[in-house]
Amino acid sequence: MIKQVMAIINKGRSQKETPKAGNTEESKLTQSEIEFVLATLRECNFKGSQVVALYTTVLKLQQQYKENEK
């Protein structure tokens, strides 16, 4: 039963079209997507070696969030 469910899920995933990275307007995150990512990051645990990358990523997300508010 579990294998059948996973096969259905995987079949649905392969049929979806992935967004193209070339179009910058389509690749920008919406306000709700940014809020989701920031909230998810707030709940996660990170290793010390990941802190710098995490900091720069969150900083970029916050800047984009502020730009979207305008």
C-alpha atoms as a PDB file:
ATOM      1  CA  MET A   1       0.000   0.000   0.000  1.00  0.00           C
ATOM      2  CA  ILE A   2       2.781   2.464   0.934  1.00  0.00           C
ATOM      3  CA  LYS A   3       4.639   1.659  -2.303  1.00  0.00           C
ATOM      4  CA  GLN A   4       1.495   2.444  -4.296  1.00  0.00           C
ATOM      5  CA  VAL A   5       1.043   5.789  -2.571  1.00  0.00           C
ATOM      6  CA  MET A   6       4.692   6.720  -3.103  1.00  0.00           C
ATOM      7  CA  ALA A   7       4.436   5.728  -6.783  1.00  0.00           C
ATOM      8  CA  ILE A   8       1.436   8.034  -7.205  1.00  0.00           C
ATOM      9  CA  ILE A   9       3.258  10.894  -5.470  1.00  0.00           C
ATOM     10  CA  ASN A  10       6.380  10.409  -7.583  1.00  0.00           C
ATOM     11  CA  LYS A  11       4.319  10.216 -10.768  1.00  0.00           C
ATOM     12  CA  GLY A  12       2.669  13.535  -9.924  1.00  0.00           C
ATOM     13  CA  ARG A  13       6.016  15.175  -9.241  1.00  0.00           C
ATOM     14  CA  SER A  14       7.562  14.103 -12.531  1.00  0.00           C
ATOM     15  CA  GLN A  15       4.645  15.550 -14.514  1.00  0.00           C
ATOM     16  CA  LYS A  16       4.961  19.012 -13.006  1.00  0.00           C
ATOM     17  CA  GLU A  17       6.927  21.561 -14.976  1.00  0.00           C
ATOM     18  CA  THR A  18       9.838  23.086 -13.106  1.00  0.00           C
ATOM     19  CA  PRO A  19      10.189  26.895 -13.221  1.00  0.00           C
ATOM     20  CA  LYS A  20      12.859  28.301 -15.491  1.00  0.00           C
ATOM     21  CA  ALA A  21      15.643  30.187 -13.712  1.00  0.00           C
ATOM     22  CA  GLY A  22      16.204  32.513 -16.677  1.00  0.00           C
ATOM     23  CA  ASN A  23      13.182  34.728 -16.004  1.00  0.00           C
ATOM     24  CA  THR A  24      14.017  36.772 -12.911  1.00  0.00           C
ATOM     25  CA  GLU A  25      10.452  37.991 -12.327  1.00  0.00           C
ATOM     26  CA  GLU A  26       9.122  34.437 -12.156  1.00  0.00           C
ATOM     27  CA  SER A  27      11.993  33.287  -9.962  1.00  0.00           C
ATOM     28  CA  LYS A  28      11.408  35.960  -7.299  1.00  0.00           C
ATOM     29  CA  LEU A  29       9.673  34.800  -4.173  1.00  0.00           C
ATOM     30  CA  THR A  30       6.307  36.182  -3.143  1.00  0.00           C
ATOM     31  CA  GLN A  31       5.782  37.779   0.260  1.00  0.00           C
ATOM     32  CA  SER A  32       4.076  34.655   1.589  1.00  0.00           C
ATOM     33  CA  GLU A  33       6.867  32.423   0.272  1.00  0.00           C
ATOM     34  CA  ILE A  34       9.501  34.570   1.988  1.00  0.00           C
ATOM     35  CA  GLU A  35       7.507  34.502   5.233  1.00  0.00           C
ATOM     36  CA  PHE A  36       7.272  30.706   4.975  1.00  0.00           C
ATOM     37  CA  VAL A  37      11.022  30.281   4.411  1.00  0.00           C
ATOM     38  CA  LEU A  38      11.948  32.661   7.239  1.00  0.00           C
ATOM     39  CA  ALA A  39       9.510  30.986   9.642  1.00  0.00           C
ATOM     40  CA  THR A  40      10.852  27.549   8.696  1.00  0.00           C
ATOM     41  CA  LEU A  41      14.452  28.670   9.167  1.00  0.00           C
ATOM     42  CA  ARG A  42      13.557  30.058  12.590  1.00  0.00           C
ATOM     43  CA  GLU A  43      12.484  26.570  13.713  1.00  0.00           C
ATOM     44  CA  CYS A  44      15.577  24.734  12.401  1.00  0.00           C
ATOM     45  CA  ASN A  45      18.859  23.829  14.047  1.00  0.00           C
ATOM     46  CA  PHE A  46      22.092  24.612  12.213  1.00  0.00           C
ATOM     47  CA  LYS A  47      25.720  23.608  12.611  1.00  0.00           C
ATOM     48  CA  GLY A  48      28.326  26.252  13.345  1.00  0.00           C
ATOM     49  CA  SER A  49      29.829  25.803   9.884  1.00  0.00           C
ATOM     50  CA  GLN A  50      26.478  26.802   8.339  1.00  0.00           C
ATOM     51  CA  VAL A  51      26.008  30.048  10.257  1.00  0.00           C
ATOM     52  CA  VAL A  52      27.712  32.380   7.763  1.00  0.00           C
ATOM     53  CA  ALA A  53      25.796  30.981   4.778  1.00  0.00           C
ATOM     54  CA  LEU A  54      22.572  31.085   6.778  1.00  0.00           C
ATOM     55  CA  TYR A  55      23.179  34.691   7.823  1.00  0.00           C
ATOM     56  CA  THR A  56      23.795  35.922   4.271  1.00  0.00           C
ATOM     57  CA  THR A  57      20.791  33.997   2.942  1.00  0.00           C
ATOM     58  CA  VAL A  58      18.442  35.346   5.616  1.00  0.00           C
ATOM     59  CA  LEU A  59      19.776  38.857   5.048  1.00  0.00           C
ATOM     60  CA  LYS A  60      18.960  38.595   1.333  1.00  0.00           C
ATOM     61  CA  LEU A  61      15.502  37.240   2.088  1.00  0.00           C
ATOM     62  CA  GLN A  62      14.815  40.085   4.517  1.00  0.00           C
ATOM     63  CA  GLN A  63      15.948  42.661   1.960  1.00  0.00           C
ATOM     64  CA  GLN A  64      13.695  41.175  -0.708  1.00  0.00           C
ATOM     65  CA  TYR A  65      10.841  41.071   1.817  1.00  0.00           C
ATOM     66  CA  LYS A  66      11.281  44.797   2.536  1.00  0.00           C
ATOM     67  CA  GLU A  67      11.412  45.584  -1.198  1.00  0.00           C
ATOM     68  CA  ASN A  68       8.181  43.665  -1.774  1.00  0.00           C
ATOM     69  CA  GLU A  69       6.436  45.644   0.976  1.00  0.00           C
ATOM     70  CA  LYS A  70       6.912  48.905  -0.939  1.00  0.00           C
END
